[in-house]
């Protein structure tokens, strides 16, 4: 979702439910829009994003500046998918793991500034 759509949606949510204190967004762009809506409504809402995007519009900087309380990296699992494909196609594996876990990183006030340059 684009930030502008998230801003409109969250502004409506805040009108319907003015006691919202925390928002978890499915991506950093939604979190950015939600922050604008919260500020526009004069509300102090703790915002958590997902993506951990770098750069000036990303979640890492938003956490480092104190605009959000956290964001989380969201790995694509591409490396793991390629490894699984190689096992099936090249090694002729008849069985592969049914569950693949990819590592994520919590980005908080404690580590955001160190992660900004990465």
PDB file of N, CA and C in Angstrom:
ATOM      1  N   UNK A   1       0.840  -1.175   0.000  1.00  0.00           N
ATOM      2  CA  UNK A   1       0.000   0.000   0.000  1.00  0.00           C
ATOM      3  C   UNK A   1       0.886   1.239   0.000  1.00  0.00           C
ATOM      4  N   UNK A   2       0.474   2.212  -0.757  1.00  0.00           N
ATOM      5  CA  UNK A   2       1.214   3.480  -0.806  1.00  0.00           C
ATOM      6  C   UNK A   2       0.979   4.274   0.479  1.00  0.00           C
ATOM      7  N   UNK A   3       1.950   5.127   0.832  1.00  0.00           N
ATOM      8  CA  UNK A   3       1.808   5.908   2.066  1.00  0.00           C
ATOM      9  C   UNK A   3       0.543   6.766   2.091  1.00  0.00           C
ATOM     10  N   UNK A   4       0.168   7.348   0.943  1.00  0.00           N
ATOM     11  CA  UNK A   4      -1.014   8.214   0.937  1.00  0.00           C
ATOM     12  C   UNK A   4      -2.289   7.421   1.225  1.00  0.00           C
ATOM     13  N   UNK A   5      -2.381   6.210   0.691  1.00  0.00           N
ATOM     14  CA  UNK A   5      -3.557   5.375   0.971  1.00  0.00           C
ATOM     15  C   UNK A   5      -3.570   4.939   2.438  1.00  0.00           C
ATOM     16  N   UNK A   6      -2.400   4.617   2.961  1.00  0.00           N
ATOM     17  CA  UNK A   6      -2.317   4.234   4.378  1.00  0.00           C
ATOM     18  C   UNK A   6      -2.687   5.410   5.273  1.00  0.00           C
ATOM     19  N   UNK A   7      -2.274   6.599   4.880  1.00  0.00           N
ATOM     20  CA  UNK A   7      -2.600   7.783   5.668  1.00  0.00           C
ATOM     21  C   UNK A   7      -4.114   7.982   5.735  1.00  0.00           C
ATOM     22  N   UNK A   8      -4.794   7.874   4.608  1.00  0.00           N
ATOM     23  CA  UNK A   8      -6.248   8.038   4.569  1.00  0.00           C
ATOM     24  C   UNK A   8      -6.922   6.941   5.398  1.00  0.00           C
ATOM     25  N   UNK A   9      -6.478   5.702   5.219  1.00  0.00           N
ATOM     26  CA  UNK A   9      -7.085   4.578   5.948  1.00  0.00           C
ATOM     27  C   UNK A   9      -6.882   4.725   7.457  1.00  0.00           C
ATOM     28  N   UNK A  10      -5.669   5.091   7.874  1.00  0.00           N
ATOM     29  CA  UNK A  10      -5.415   5.188   9.309  1.00  0.00           C
ATOM     30  C   UNK A  10      -6.101   6.403   9.907  1.00  0.00           C
ATOM     31  N   UNK A  11      -6.228   7.484   9.150  1.00  0.00           N
ATOM     32  CA  UNK A  11      -6.965   8.658   9.648  1.00  0.00           C
ATOM     33  C   UNK A  11      -8.412   8.267   9.947  1.00  0.00           C
ATOM     34  N   UNK A  12      -9.005   7.472   9.065  1.00  0.00           N
ATOM     35  CA  UNK A  12     -10.378   7.005   9.290  1.00  0.00           C
ATOM     36  C   UNK A  12     -10.441   6.083  10.512  1.00  0.00           C
ATOM     37  N   UNK A  13      -9.421   5.229  10.659  1.00  0.00           N
ATOM     38  CA  UNK A  13      -9.389   4.333  11.824  1.00  0.00           C
ATOM     39  C   UNK A  13      -9.293   5.132  13.120  1.00  0.00           C
ATOM     40  N   UNK A  14      -8.474   6.184  13.107  1.00  0.00           N
ATOM     41  CA  UNK A  14      -8.320   7.005  14.304  1.00  0.00           C
ATOM     42  C   UNK A  14      -9.599   7.753  14.647  1.00  0.00           C
ATOM     43  N   UNK A  15     -10.355   8.148  13.628  1.00  0.00           N
ATOM     44  CA  UNK A  15     -11.636   8.808  13.903  1.00  0.00           C
ATOM     45  C   UNK A  15     -12.623   7.821  14.527  1.00  0.00           C
ATOM     46  N   UNK A  16     -12.633   6.607  14.007  1.00  0.00           N
ATOM     47  CA  UNK A  16     -13.565   5.596  14.522  1.00  0.00           C
ATOM     48  C   UNK A  16     -13.120   5.042  15.869  1.00  0.00           C
ATOM     49  N   UNK A  17     -11.807   5.000  16.092  1.00  0.00           N
ATOM     50  CA  UNK A  17     -11.249   4.412  17.319  1.00  0.00           C
ATOM     51  C   UNK A  17     -10.152   5.344  17.855  1.00  0.00           C
ATOM     52  N   UNK A  18     -10.531   6.427  18.487  1.00  0.00           N
ATOM     53  CA  UNK A  18      -9.540   7.434  18.906  1.00  0.00           C
ATOM     54  C   UNK A  18      -8.562   6.976  19.983  1.00  0.00           C
ATOM     55  N   UNK A  19      -8.789   5.811  20.578  1.00  0.00           N
ATOM     56  CA  UNK A  19      -7.896   5.337  21.635  1.00  0.00           C
ATOM     57  C   UNK A  19      -6.789   4.422  21.121  1.00  0.00           C
ATOM     58  N   UNK A  20      -6.619   4.311  19.823  1.00  0.00           N
ATOM     59  CA  UNK A  20      -5.541   3.472  19.278  1.00  0.00           C
ATOM     60  C   UNK A  20      -4.207   4.008  19.787  1.00  0.00           C
ATOM     61  N   UNK A  21      -3.385   3.119  20.316  1.00  0.00           N
ATOM     62  CA  UNK A  21      -2.083   3.523  20.866  1.00  0.00           C
ATOM     63  C   UNK A  21      -0.902   2.920  20.110  1.00  0.00           C
ATOM     64  N   UNK A  22      -1.139   1.796  19.414  1.00  0.00           N
ATOM     65  CA  UNK A  22      -0.060   1.102  18.690  1.00  0.00           C
ATOM     66  C   UNK A  22      -0.586   0.683  17.325  1.00  0.00           C
ATOM     67  N   UNK A  23       0.262   0.811  16.315  1.00  0.00           N
ATOM     68  CA  UNK A  23      -0.093   0.360  14.973  1.00  0.00           C
ATOM     69  C   UNK A  23       1.042  -0.499  14.427  1.00  0.00           C
ATOM     70  N   UNK A  24       0.695  -1.690  13.965  1.00  0.00           N
ATOM     71  CA  UNK A  24       1.654  -2.541  13.269  1.00  0.00           C
ATOM     72  C   UNK A  24       1.307  -2.474  11.793  1.00  0.00           C
ATOM     73  N   UNK A  25       2.266  -2.072  10.972  1.00  0.00           N
ATOM     74  CA  UNK A  25       2.042  -1.941   9.534  1.00  0.00           C
ATOM     75  C   UNK A  25       2.731  -3.077   8.787  1.00  0.00           C
ATOM     76  N   UNK A  26       2.099  -3.525   7.719  1.00  0.00           N
ATOM     77  CA  UNK A  26       2.639  -4.629   6.917  1.00  0.00           C
ATOM     78  C   UNK A  26       3.880  -4.242   6.136  1.00  0.00           C
ATOM     79  N   UNK A  27       4.129  -2.961   5.979  1.00  0.00           N
ATOM     80  CA  UNK A  27       5.377  -2.534   5.349  1.00  0.00           C
ATOM     81  C   UNK A  27       5.722  -1.116   5.801  1.00  0.00           C
ATOM     82  N   UNK A  28       6.939  -0.702   5.492  1.00  0.00           N
ATOM     83  CA  UNK A  28       7.412   0.605   5.939  1.00  0.00           C
ATOM     84  C   UNK A  28       6.632   1.753   5.304  1.00  0.00           C
ATOM     85  N   UNK A  29       6.164   1.568   4.073  1.00  0.00           N
ATOM     86  CA  UNK A  29       5.418   2.639   3.413  1.00  0.00           C
ATOM     87  C   UNK A  29       4.080   2.874   4.120  1.00  0.00           C
ATOM     88  N   UNK A  30       3.426   1.805   4.546  1.00  0.00           N
ATOM     89  CA  UNK A  30       2.183   1.951   5.310  1.00  0.00           C
ATOM     90  C   UNK A  30       2.458   2.650   6.641  1.00  0.00           C
ATOM     91  N   UNK A  31       3.558   2.274   7.271  1.00  0.00           N
ATOM     92  CA  UNK A  31       3.920   2.891   8.551  1.00  0.00           C
ATOM     93  C   UNK A  31       4.155   4.388   8.372  1.00  0.00           C
ATOM     94  N   UNK A  32       4.775   4.772   7.260  1.00  0.00           N
ATOM     95  CA  UNK A  32       5.029   6.194   6.986  1.00  0.00           C
ATOM     96  C   UNK A  32       3.710   6.951   6.845  1.00  0.00           C
ATOM     97  N   UNK A  33       2.761   6.368   6.132  1.00  0.00           N
ATOM     98  CA  UNK A  33       1.448   6.998   5.991  1.00  0.00           C
ATOM     99  C   UNK A  33       0.707   7.078   7.306  1.00  0.00           C
ATOM    100  N   UNK A  34       0.820   6.022   8.108  1.00  0.00           N
ATOM    101  CA  UNK A  34       0.159   6.012   9.415  1.00  0.00           C
ATOM    102  C   UNK A  34       0.721   7.097  10.325  1.00  0.00           C
ATOM    103  N   UNK A  35       2.027   7.314  10.255  1.00  0.00           N
ATOM    104  CA  UNK A  35       2.634   8.374  11.059  1.00  0.00           C
ATOM    105  C   UNK A  35       2.051   9.732  10.684  1.00  0.00           C
ATOM    106  N   UNK A  36       1.899   9.975   9.393  1.00  0.00           N
ATOM    107  CA  UNK A  36       1.318  11.252   8.944  1.00  0.00           C
ATOM    108  C   UNK A  36      -0.111  11.414   9.467  1.00  0.00           C
ATOM    109  N   UNK A  37      -0.880  10.323   9.429  1.00  0.00           N
ATOM    110  CA  UNK A  37      -2.258  10.378   9.930  1.00  0.00           C
ATOM    111  C   UNK A  37      -2.280  10.649  11.429  1.00  0.00           C
ATOM    112  N   UNK A  38      -1.415   9.984  12.167  1.00  0.00           N
ATOM    113  CA  UNK A  38      -1.367  10.175  13.615  1.00  0.00           C
ATOM    114  C   UNK A  38      -0.989  11.614  13.954  1.00  0.00           C
ATOM    115  N   UNK A  39       0.025  12.132  13.264  1.00  0.00           N
ATOM    116  CA  UNK A  39       0.433  13.522  13.506  1.00  0.00           C
ATOM    117  C   UNK A  39      -0.701  14.480  13.167  1.00  0.00           C
ATOM    118  N   UNK A  40      -1.366  14.223  12.034  1.00  0.00           N
ATOM    119  CA  UNK A  40      -2.478  15.070  11.612  1.00  0.00           C
ATOM    120  C   UNK A  40      -3.622  15.070  12.614  1.00  0.00           C
ATOM    121  N   UNK A  41      -3.805  13.961  13.304  1.00  0.00           N
ATOM    122  CA  UNK A  41      -4.872  13.856  14.295  1.00  0.00           C
ATOM    123  C   UNK A  41      -4.401  14.276  15.687  1.00  0.00           C
ATOM    124  N   UNK A  42      -3.119  14.631  15.798  1.00  0.00           N
ATOM    125  CA  UNK A  42      -2.574  15.016  17.098  1.00  0.00           C
ATOM    126  C   UNK A  42      -2.495  13.862  18.077  1.00  0.00           C
ATOM    127  N   UNK A  43      -2.315  12.653  17.548  1.00  0.00           N
ATOM    128  CA  UNK A  43      -2.279  11.448  18.380  1.00  0.00           C
ATOM    129  C   UNK A  43      -0.849  10.938  18.527  1.00  0.00           C
ATOM    130  N   UNK A  44      -0.551  10.415  19.708  1.00  0.00           N
ATOM    131  CA  UNK A  44       0.733   9.772  19.963  1.00  0.00           C
ATOM    132  C   UNK A  44       0.533   8.267  19.816  1.00  0.00           C
ATOM    133  N   UNK A  45       0.847   7.754  18.639  1.00  0.00           N
ATOM    134  CA  UNK A  45       0.662   6.337  18.347  1.00  0.00           C
ATOM    135  C   UNK A  45       2.035   5.712  18.138  1.00  0.00           C
ATOM    136  N   UNK A  46       2.294   4.621  18.811  1.00  0.00           N
ATOM    137  CA  UNK A  46       3.547   3.888  18.615  1.00  0.00           C
ATOM    138  C   UNK A  46       3.415   3.105  17.310  1.00  0.00           C
ATOM    139  N   UNK A  47       4.350   3.324  16.398  1.00  0.00           N
ATOM    140  CA  UNK A  47       4.274   2.714  15.064  1.00  0.00           C
ATOM    141  C   UNK A  47       5.381   1.687  14.889  1.00  0.00           C
ATOM    142  N   UNK A  48       4.982   0.547  14.358  1.00  0.00           N
ATOM    143  CA  UNK A  48       5.918  -0.536  14.044  1.00  0.00           C
ATOM    144  C   UNK A  48       5.756  -0.858  12.563  1.00  0.00           C
ATOM    145  N   UNK A  49       6.869  -0.850  11.845  1.00  0.00           N
ATOM    146  CA  UNK A  49       6.839  -1.163  10.415  1.00  0.00           C
ATOM    147  C   UNK A  49       7.408  -2.545  10.141  1.00  0.00           C
ATOM    148  N   UNK A  50       7.397  -2.900   8.879  1.00  0.00           N
ATOM    149  CA  UNK A  50       7.989  -4.152   8.426  1.00  0.00           C
ATOM    150  C   UNK A  50       8.663  -3.880   7.097  1.00  0.00           C
ATOM    151  N   UNK A  51       9.899  -4.150   6.978  1.00  0.00           N
ATOM    152  CA  UNK A  51      10.769  -4.054   5.799  1.00  0.00           C
ATOM    153  C   UNK A  51      12.175  -3.681   6.233  1.00  0.00           C
ATOM    154  N   UNK A  52      12.259  -2.738   7.161  1.00  0.00           N
ATOM    155  CA  UNK A  52      13.576  -2.272   7.575  1.00  0.00           C
ATOM    156  C   UNK A  52      14.329  -1.655   6.416  1.00  0.00           C
ATOM    157  N   UNK A  53      13.618  -0.827   5.635  1.00  0.00           N
ATOM    158  CA  UNK A  53      14.233  -0.230   4.447  1.00  0.00           C
ATOM    159  C   UNK A  53      15.288   0.797   4.824  1.00  0.00           C
ATOM    160  N   UNK A  54      16.382   0.838   4.062  1.00  0.00           N
ATOM    161  CA  UNK A  54      17.409   1.856   4.283  1.00  0.00           C
ATOM    162  C   UNK A  54      17.007   3.161   3.597  1.00  0.00           C
ATOM    163  N   UNK A  55      17.791   4.181   3.785  1.00  0.00           N
ATOM    164  CA  UNK A  55      17.584   5.447   3.089  1.00  0.00           C
ATOM    165  C   UNK A  55      16.691   6.403   3.844  1.00  0.00           C
ATOM    166  N   UNK A  56      16.616   7.636   3.340  1.00  0.00           N
ATOM    167  CA  UNK A  56      15.891   8.687   4.058  1.00  0.00           C
ATOM    168  C   UNK A  56      14.394   8.434   4.214  1.00  0.00           C
ATOM    169  N   UNK A  57      13.775   7.659   3.345  1.00  0.00           N
ATOM    170  CA  UNK A  57      12.341   7.382   3.459  1.00  0.00           C
ATOM    171  C   UNK A  57      12.076   6.013   4.078  1.00  0.00           C
ATOM    172  N   UNK A  58      13.125   5.350   4.528  1.00  0.00           N
ATOM    173  CA  UNK A  58      12.980   3.987   5.031  1.00  0.00           C
ATOM    174  C   UNK A  58      12.727   3.896   6.521  1.00  0.00           C
ATOM    175  N   UNK A  59      12.388   2.704   6.929  1.00  0.00           N
ATOM    176  CA  UNK A  59      12.046   2.444   8.314  1.00  0.00           C
ATOM    177  C   UNK A  59      13.206   2.559   9.279  1.00  0.00           C
ATOM    178  N   UNK A  60      14.412   2.223   8.813  1.00  0.00           N
ATOM    179  CA  UNK A  60      15.558   2.289   9.726  1.00  0.00           C
ATOM    180  C   UNK A  60      15.745   3.719  10.219  1.00  0.00           C
ATOM    181  N   UNK A  61      15.697   4.670   9.293  1.00  0.00           N
ATOM    182  CA  UNK A  61      15.872   6.068   9.686  1.00  0.00           C
ATOM    183  C   UNK A  61      14.696   6.560  10.532  1.00  0.00           C
ATOM    184  N   UNK A  62      13.483   6.102  10.224  1.00  0.00           N
ATOM    185  CA  UNK A  62      12.313   6.504  11.016  1.00  0.00           C
ATOM    186  C   UNK A  62      12.467   6.054  12.468  1.00  0.00           C
ATOM    187  N   UNK A  63      13.018   4.867  12.661  1.00  0.00           N
ATOM    188  CA  UNK A  63      13.257   4.380  14.024  1.00  0.00           C
ATOM    189  C   UNK A  63      14.391   5.173  14.667  1.00  0.00           C
ATOM    190  N   UNK A  64      15.465   5.414  13.920  1.00  0.00           N
ATOM    191  CA  UNK A  64      16.607   6.158  14.466  1.00  0.00           C
ATOM    192  C   UNK A  64      16.202   7.572  14.895  1.00  0.00           C
ATOM    193  N   UNK A  65      15.279   8.180  14.150  1.00  0.00           N
ATOM    194  CA  UNK A  65      14.805   9.530  14.485  1.00  0.00           C
ATOM    195  C   UNK A  65      13.783   9.528  15.609  1.00  0.00           C
ATOM    196  N   UNK A  66      13.284   8.347  15.963  1.00  0.00           N
ATOM    197  CA  UNK A  66      12.292   8.265  17.028  1.00  0.00           C
ATOM    198  C   UNK A  66      10.856   8.396  16.544  1.00  0.00           C
ATOM    199  N   UNK A  67      10.646   8.425  15.217  1.00  0.00           N
ATOM    200  CA  UNK A  67       9.285   8.516  14.688  1.00  0.00           C
ATOM    201  C   UNK A  67       8.508   7.217  14.898  1.00  0.00           C
ATOM    202  N   UNK A  68       9.185   6.085  14.803  1.00  0.00           N
ATOM    203  CA  UNK A  68       8.573   4.767  15.006  1.00  0.00           C
ATOM    204  C   UNK A  68       9.311   4.087  16.145  1.00  0.00           C
ATOM    205  N   UNK A  69       8.670   3.113  16.770  1.00  0.00           N
ATOM    206  CA  UNK A  69       9.346   2.382  17.838  1.00  0.00           C
ATOM    207  C   UNK A  69      10.165   1.215  17.295  1.00  0.00           C
ATOM    208  N   UNK A  70       9.783   0.688  16.119  1.00  0.00           N
ATOM    209  CA  UNK A  70      10.534  -0.446  15.556  1.00  0.00           C
ATOM    210  C   UNK A  70      10.122  -0.702  14.120  1.00  0.00           C
ATOM    211  N   UNK A  71      10.964  -1.446  13.432  1.00  0.00           N
ATOM    212  CA  UNK A  71      10.636  -2.055  12.161  1.00  0.00           C
ATOM    213  C   UNK A  71      11.411  -3.369  12.127  1.00  0.00           C
ATOM    214  N   UNK A  72      11.029  -4.224  11.242  1.00  0.00           N
ATOM    215  CA  UNK A  72      11.669  -5.538  11.142  1.00  0.00           C
ATOM    216  C   UNK A  72      12.069  -5.787   9.704  1.00  0.00           C
ATOM    217  N   UNK A  73      13.265  -6.335   9.504  1.00  0.00           N
ATOM    218  CA  UNK A  73      13.634  -6.727   8.150  1.00  0.00           C
ATOM    219  C   UNK A  73      12.701  -7.847   7.718  1.00  0.00           C
ATOM    220  N   UNK A  74      12.471  -7.925   6.431  1.00  0.00           N
ATOM    221  CA  UNK A  74      11.555  -8.933   5.892  1.00  0.00           C
ATOM    222  C   UNK A  74      12.239  -9.602   4.709  1.00  0.00           C
ATOM    223  N   UNK A  75      13.073 -10.589   4.991  1.00  0.00           N
ATOM    224  CA  UNK A  75      13.802 -11.256   3.910  1.00  0.00           C
ATOM    225  C   UNK A  75      12.856 -11.930   2.917  1.00  0.00           C
ATOM    226  N   UNK A  76      13.261 -11.964   1.669  1.00  0.00           N
ATOM    227  CA  UNK A  76      12.415 -12.549   0.624  1.00  0.00           C
ATOM    228  C   UNK A  76      12.433 -14.069   0.637  1.00  0.00           C
ATOM    229  N   UNK A  77      13.489 -14.672   1.163  1.00  0.00           N
ATOM    230  CA  UNK A  77      13.613 -16.125   1.135  1.00  0.00           C
ATOM    231  C   UNK A  77      14.136 -16.624  -0.204  1.00  0.00           C
ATOM    232  N   UNK A  78      14.615 -15.705  -1.042  1.00  0.00           N
ATOM    233  CA  UNK A  78      15.095 -16.079  -2.377  1.00  0.00           C
ATOM    234  C   UNK A  78      16.272 -17.053  -2.300  1.00  0.00           C
ATOM    235  N   UNK A  79      17.214 -16.781  -1.429  1.00  0.00           N
ATOM    236  CA  UNK A  79      18.376 -17.668  -1.290  1.00  0.00           C
ATOM    237  C   UNK A  79      17.925 -19.070  -0.909  1.00  0.00           C
ATOM    238  N   UNK A  80      17.013 -19.154   0.041  1.00  0.00           N
ATOM    239  CA  UNK A  80      16.515 -20.445   0.495  1.00  0.00           C
ATOM    240  C   UNK A  80      15.732 -21.160  -0.609  1.00  0.00           C
ATOM    241  N   UNK A  81      14.967 -20.396  -1.393  1.00  0.00           N
ATOM    242  CA  UNK A  81      14.199 -20.983  -2.494  1.00  0.00           C
ATOM    243  C   UNK A  81      15.132 -21.551  -3.561  1.00  0.00           C
ATOM    244  N   UNK A  82      16.211 -20.843  -3.845  1.00  0.00           N
ATOM    245  CA  UNK A  82      17.182 -21.321  -4.833  1.00  0.00           C
ATOM    246  C   UNK A  82      17.847 -22.601  -4.334  1.00  0.00           C
ATOM    247  N   UNK A  83      18.227 -22.620  -3.064  1.00  0.00           N
ATOM    248  CA  UNK A  83      18.844 -23.827  -2.494  1.00  0.00           C
ATOM    249  C   UNK A  83      17.891 -25.019  -2.563  1.00  0.00           C
ATOM    250  N   UNK A  84      16.627 -24.783  -2.256  1.00  0.00           N
ATOM    251  CA  UNK A  84      15.652 -25.863  -2.313  1.00  0.00           C
ATOM    252  C   UNK A  84      15.456 -26.335  -3.762  1.00  0.00           C
ATOM    253  N   UNK A  85      15.410 -25.393  -4.692  1.00  0.00           N
ATOM    254  CA  UNK A  85      15.269 -25.748  -6.113  1.00  0.00           C
ATOM    255  C   UNK A  85      16.448 -26.578  -6.595  1.00  0.00           C
ATOM    256  N   UNK A  86      17.653 -26.210  -6.175  1.00  0.00           N
ATOM    257  CA  UNK A  86      18.840 -26.975  -6.557  1.00  0.00           C
ATOM    258  C   UNK A  86      18.776 -28.399  -6.021  1.00  0.00           C
ATOM    259  N   UNK A  87      18.297 -28.537  -4.781  1.00  0.00           N
ATOM    260  CA  UNK A  87      18.170 -29.885  -4.208  1.00  0.00           C
ATOM    261  C   UNK A  87      17.215 -30.738  -5.048  1.00  0.00           C
ATOM    262  N   UNK A  88      16.120 -30.139  -5.468  1.00  0.00           N
ATOM    263  CA  UNK A  88      15.117 -30.885  -6.243  1.00  0.00           C
ATOM    264  C   UNK A  88      15.604 -31.134  -7.673  1.00  0.00           C
ATOM    265  N   UNK A  89      16.063 -30.081  -8.334  1.00  0.00           N
ATOM    266  CA  UNK A  89      16.395 -30.180  -9.759  1.00  0.00           C
ATOM    267  C   UNK A  89      17.760 -30.786 -10.053  1.00  0.00           C
ATOM    268  N   UNK A  90      18.741 -30.465  -9.237  1.00  0.00           N
ATOM    269  CA  UNK A  90      20.099 -30.940  -9.507  1.00  0.00           C
ATOM    270  C   UNK A  90      20.440 -32.214  -8.743  1.00  0.00           C
ATOM    271  N   UNK A  91      20.005 -32.261  -7.491  1.00  0.00           N
ATOM    272  CA  UNK A  91      20.335 -33.421  -6.659  1.00  0.00           C
ATOM    273  C   UNK A  91      19.255 -34.499  -6.700  1.00  0.00           C
ATOM    274  N   UNK A  92      18.155 -34.212  -7.405  1.00  0.00           N
ATOM    275  CA  UNK A  92      17.024 -35.146  -7.532  1.00  0.00           C
ATOM    276  C   UNK A  92      16.472 -35.568  -6.168  1.00  0.00           C
ATOM    277  N   UNK A  93      16.449 -34.634  -5.239  1.00  0.00           N
ATOM    278  CA  UNK A  93      15.912 -34.923  -3.902  1.00  0.00           C
ATOM    279  C   UNK A  93      14.436 -35.275  -4.003  1.00  0.00           C
ATOM    280  N   UNK A  94      14.059 -36.290  -3.304  1.00  0.00           N
ATOM    281  CA  UNK A  94      12.646 -36.681  -3.289  1.00  0.00           C
ATOM    282  C   UNK A  94      11.920 -36.052  -2.110  1.00  0.00           C
ATOM    283  N   UNK A  95      12.676 -35.478  -1.190  1.00  0.00           N
ATOM    284  CA  UNK A  95      12.098 -34.809  -0.037  1.00  0.00           C
ATOM    285  C   UNK A  95      12.906 -33.567   0.286  1.00  0.00           C
ATOM    286  N   UNK A  96      12.213 -32.506   0.644  1.00  0.00           N
ATOM    287  CA  UNK A  96      12.867 -31.276   1.116  1.00  0.00           C
ATOM    288  C   UNK A  96      12.127 -30.815   2.363  1.00  0.00           C
ATOM    289  N   UNK A  97      12.771 -29.957   3.121  1.00  0.00           N
ATOM    290  CA  UNK A  97      12.135 -29.441   4.334  1.00  0.00           C
ATOM    291  C   UNK A  97      10.812 -28.775   3.983  1.00  0.00           C
ATOM    292  N   UNK A  98       9.804 -29.030   4.777  1.00  0.00           N
ATOM    293  CA  UNK A  98       8.489 -28.424   4.550  1.00  0.00           C
ATOM    294  C   UNK A  98       8.422 -27.007   5.098  1.00  0.00           C
ATOM    295  N   UNK A  99       9.300 -26.695   6.015  1.00  0.00           N
ATOM    296  CA  UNK A  99       9.328 -25.371   6.613  1.00  0.00           C
ATOM    297  C   UNK A  99      10.695 -24.748   6.382  1.00  0.00           C
ATOM    298  N   UNK A 100      10.677 -23.528   5.887  1.00  0.00           N
ATOM    299  CA  UNK A 100      11.919 -22.784   5.688  1.00  0.00           C
ATOM    300  C   UNK A 100      11.817 -21.514   6.529  1.00  0.00           C
ATOM    301  N   UNK A 101      12.761 -21.322   7.400  1.00  0.00           N
ATOM    302  CA  UNK A 101      12.766 -20.152   8.266  1.00  0.00           C
ATOM    303  C   UNK A 101      13.844 -19.195   7.786  1.00  0.00           C
ATOM    304  N   UNK A 102      13.457 -17.955   7.570  1.00  0.00           N
ATOM    305  CA  UNK A 102      14.431 -16.936   7.176  1.00  0.00           C
ATOM    306  C   UNK A 102      14.646 -16.007   8.367  1.00  0.00           C
ATOM    307  N   UNK A 103      15.862 -15.542   8.510  1.00  0.00           N
ATOM    308  CA  UNK A 103      16.192 -14.685   9.647  1.00  0.00           C
ATOM    309  C   UNK A 103      15.653 -13.282   9.438  1.00  0.00           C
ATOM    310  N   UNK A 104      15.155 -12.706  10.498  1.00  0.00           N
ATOM    311  CA  UNK A 104      14.715 -11.323  10.476  1.00  0.00           C
ATOM    312  C   UNK A 104      15.461 -10.573  11.575  1.00  0.00           C
ATOM    313  N   UNK A 105      15.519  -9.284  11.439  1.00  0.00           N
ATOM    314  CA  UNK A 105      16.193  -8.460  12.430  1.00  0.00           C
ATOM    315  C   UNK A 105      15.220  -7.419  12.962  1.00  0.00           C
ATOM    316  N   UNK A 106      15.119  -7.313  14.252  1.00  0.00           N
ATOM    317  CA  UNK A 106      14.322  -6.253  14.877  1.00  0.00           C
ATOM    318  C   UNK A 106      15.177  -4.999  14.895  1.00  0.00           C
ATOM    319  N   UNK A 107      14.647  -3.935  14.349  1.00  0.00           N
ATOM    320  CA  UNK A 107      15.350  -2.649  14.344  1.00  0.00           C
ATOM    321  C   UNK A 107      14.638  -1.756  15.349  1.00  0.00           C
ATOM    322  N   UNK A 108      15.368  -1.400  16.388  1.00  0.00           N
ATOM    323  CA  UNK A 108      14.819  -0.609  17.485  1.00  0.00           C
ATOM    324  C   UNK A 108      15.719   0.599  17.731  1.00  0.00           C
ATOM    325  N   UNK A 109      15.355   1.401  18.698  1.00  0.00           N
ATOM    326  CA  UNK A 109      16.168   2.568  19.043  1.00  0.00           C
ATOM    327  C   UNK A 109      17.591   2.173  19.408  1.00  0.00           C
ATOM    328  N   UNK A 110      17.760   0.962  19.924  1.00  0.00           N
ATOM    329  CA  UNK A 110      19.085   0.520  20.365  1.00  0.00           C
ATOM    330  C   UNK A 110      20.042   0.226  19.203  1.00  0.00           C
ATOM    331  N   UNK A 111      19.543  -0.185  18.045  1.00  0.00           N
ATOM    332  CA  UNK A 111      20.454  -0.553  16.952  1.00  0.00           C
ATOM    333  C   UNK A 111      20.224   0.190  15.644  1.00  0.00           C
ATOM    334  N   UNK A 112      19.225   1.032  15.561  1.00  0.00           N
ATOM    335  CA  UNK A 112      18.870   1.687  14.292  1.00  0.00           C
ATOM    336  C   UNK A 112      20.002   2.536  13.728  1.00  0.00           C
ATOM    337  N   UNK A 113      20.658   3.328  14.551  1.00  0.00           N
ATOM    338  CA  UNK A 113      21.710   4.216  14.040  1.00  0.00           C
ATOM    339  C   UNK A 113      22.881   3.409  13.482  1.00  0.00           C
ATOM    340  N   UNK A 114      23.203   2.273  14.100  1.00  0.00           N
ATOM    341  CA  UNK A 114      24.291   1.438  13.591  1.00  0.00           C
ATOM    342  C   UNK A 114      23.906   0.794  12.264  1.00  0.00           C
ATOM    343  N   UNK A 115      22.630   0.490  12.068  1.00  0.00           N
ATOM    344  CA  UNK A 115      22.175  -0.182  10.850  1.00  0.00           C
ATOM    345  C   UNK A 115      21.905   0.774   9.695  1.00  0.00           C
ATOM    346  N   UNK A 116      21.881   2.079   9.955  1.00  0.00           N
ATOM    347  CA  UNK A 116      21.559   3.054   8.907  1.00  0.00           C
ATOM    348  C   UNK A 116      22.529   2.991   7.735  1.00  0.00           C
ATOM    349  N   UNK A 117      23.789   2.768   7.977  1.00  0.00           N
ATOM    350  CA  UNK A 117      24.775   2.777   6.914  1.00  0.00           C
ATOM    351  C   UNK A 117      24.943   1.459   6.195  1.00  0.00           C
ATOM    352  N   UNK A 118      24.187   0.437   6.589  1.00  0.00           N
ATOM    353  CA  UNK A 118      24.375  -0.887   5.988  1.00  0.00           C
ATOM    354  C   UNK A 118      23.450  -1.139   4.848  1.00  0.00           C
TER     355      UNK A 118
END
